[in-house]
Amino acid sequence: MFISNAYAQTAAGAADPGLMGSLTTFAPIIIMFVVMYFIMIRPQQKRQKELKSMMDALAKGDEVITIGGVLGRVSKVAEAYVTIEVAAGTEIVVQKNAVTTLLPKGTLKAL
């Protein structure tokens, strides 16, 4: 009596949004993924590519910094490992991926 009846919309009365309606519904999500690709994924892939080329180019005599902050000069390069001389007569063996930075020549003498 006080509440009116609610009826479902009929098929003829429902408006079909069509292709453009569906596209505009998903447009913000698509734009968000595109922005995330250019802000997060692409720079990370570029950095990984640079690190890989730096690791492949390691040679005897290069001055490097490891993940732990150890500075030293490369004395031997193997396929997966690098031997670094950290002091006169003191060498450590680390994995190649533990080398983070290749320093310019003469940096260790300046320290």
Protein backbone atom coordinates (compact mmCIF):
# COMPACT_ATOMS: atom_id res chain seq x y z
CA MET A 1 0.00 0.00 0.00
CA PHE A 2 2.70 2.54 0.97
CA ILE A 3 5.46 0.97 -1.14
CA SER A 4 5.10 0.92 -4.90
CA ASN A 5 5.97 -2.16 -6.89
CA ALA A 6 9.33 -2.28 -8.67
CA TYR A 7 9.41 -4.04 -12.01
CA ALA A 8 12.47 -5.28 -13.91
CA GLN A 9 13.30 -3.56 -17.16
CA THR A 10 12.19 -5.39 -20.27
CA ALA A 11 14.60 -6.44 -23.01
CA ALA A 12 13.16 -3.89 -25.43
CA GLY A 13 13.59 -1.07 -22.92
CA ALA A 14 17.23 -1.89 -22.06
CA ALA A 15 19.76 0.19 -23.97
CA ASP A 16 22.65 -1.74 -25.56
CA PRO A 17 25.87 0.18 -24.81
CA GLY A 18 27.56 -1.20 -27.93
CA LEU A 19 31.28 -1.34 -28.60
CA MET A 20 32.03 2.24 -27.55
CA GLY A 21 30.24 1.83 -24.25
CA SER A 22 32.28 -1.26 -23.41
CA LEU A 23 35.50 0.41 -24.50
CA THR A 24 34.94 3.49 -22.37
CA THR A 25 34.21 1.24 -19.40
CA PHE A 26 37.62 -0.44 -19.64
CA ALA A 27 39.59 2.61 -20.85
CA PRO A 28 40.83 3.68 -17.38
CA ILE A 29 42.14 0.19 -16.65
CA ILE A 30 43.89 -0.02 -20.02
CA ILE A 31 45.43 3.43 -19.55
CA MET A 32 46.62 2.46 -16.06
CA PHE A 33 48.45 -0.62 -17.39
CA VAL A 34 50.07 1.41 -20.17
CA VAL A 35 51.29 4.02 -17.69
CA MET A 36 52.61 1.31 -15.34
CA TYR A 37 54.54 -0.23 -18.22
CA PHE A 38 56.31 3.02 -19.07
CA ILE A 39 56.90 4.09 -15.46
CA MET A 40 57.86 0.80 -13.81
CA ILE A 41 58.49 -2.14 -16.14
CA ARG A 42 60.40 -0.56 -19.01
CA PRO A 43 63.03 1.26 -16.87
CA GLN A 44 63.62 -1.94 -14.87
CA GLN A 45 64.19 -3.95 -18.05
CA LYS A 46 66.62 -1.28 -19.30
CA ARG A 47 68.55 -1.39 -16.00
CA GLN A 48 68.76 -5.21 -16.12
CA LYS A 49 70.08 -5.04 -19.68
CA GLU A 50 72.78 -2.53 -18.64
CA LEU A 51 73.82 -4.70 -15.66
CA LYS A 52 74.07 -7.79 -17.85
CA SER A 53 76.26 -6.02 -20.39
CA MET A 54 78.45 -4.66 -17.56
CA MET A 55 78.88 -8.16 -16.09
CA ASP A 56 79.76 -9.60 -19.48
CA ALA A 57 82.36 -6.85 -20.00
CA LEU A 58 84.18 -7.39 -16.67
CA ALA A 59 87.90 -7.84 -17.23
CA LYS A 60 91.06 -8.20 -15.17
CA GLY A 61 92.12 -4.86 -13.70
CA ASP A 62 88.63 -3.31 -13.52
CA GLU A 63 87.75 -1.55 -10.27
CA VAL A 64 84.34 -2.55 -8.91
CA ILE A 65 81.92 -2.22 -6.00
CA THR A 66 80.00 -5.27 -4.76
CA ILE A 67 76.50 -5.46 -3.28
CA GLY A 68 78.00 -5.44 0.21
CA GLY A 69 79.92 -2.23 -0.49
CA VAL A 70 83.32 -3.89 -0.89
CA LEU A 71 85.64 -2.02 -3.24
CA GLY A 72 88.34 -3.88 -5.11
CA ARG A 73 90.17 -4.65 -8.32
CA VAL A 74 89.21 -7.66 -10.44
CA SER A 75 92.08 -10.14 -10.54
CA LYS A 76 90.38 -13.10 -12.22
CA VAL A 77 87.13 -13.58 -14.15
CA ALA A 78 85.42 -16.96 -14.49
CA GLU A 79 82.08 -17.78 -16.09
CA ALA A 80 79.97 -17.26 -12.95
CA TYR A 81 82.50 -15.93 -10.42
CA VAL A 82 84.89 -13.01 -10.09
CA THR A 83 87.98 -12.85 -7.88
CA ILE A 84 88.45 -9.38 -6.40
CA GLU A 85 91.62 -8.13 -4.74
CA VAL A 86 90.47 -5.96 -1.82
CA ALA A 87 93.94 -5.36 -0.32
CA ALA A 88 97.50 -6.36 -1.16
CA GLY A 89 97.51 -10.16 -1.02
CA THR A 90 93.82 -10.42 0.01
CA GLU A 91 91.40 -11.76 -2.55
CA ILE A 92 87.73 -12.68 -2.29
CA VAL A 93 85.61 -14.69 -4.70
CA VAL A 94 82.10 -13.39 -5.41
CA GLN A 95 79.40 -14.18 -7.93
CA LYS A 96 79.32 -11.95 -10.99
CA ASN A 97 75.85 -10.69 -10.10
CA ALA A 98 77.22 -9.40 -6.77
CA VAL A 99 79.14 -6.72 -8.69
CA THR A 100 76.93 -3.64 -8.87
CA THR A 101 79.14 -0.83 -10.13
CA LEU A 102 82.13 -0.56 -12.42
CA LEU A 103 84.34 2.31 -11.22
CA PRO A 104 86.57 4.50 -13.40
CA LYS A 105 90.25 3.54 -13.44
CA GLY A 106 92.26 5.09 -10.61
CA THR A 107 89.34 5.44 -8.19
CA LEU A 108 90.87 3.10 -5.62
CA LYS A 109 94.15 5.05 -5.56
CA ALA A 110 92.22 8.26 -4.91
CA LEU A 111 90.63 6.77 -1.77
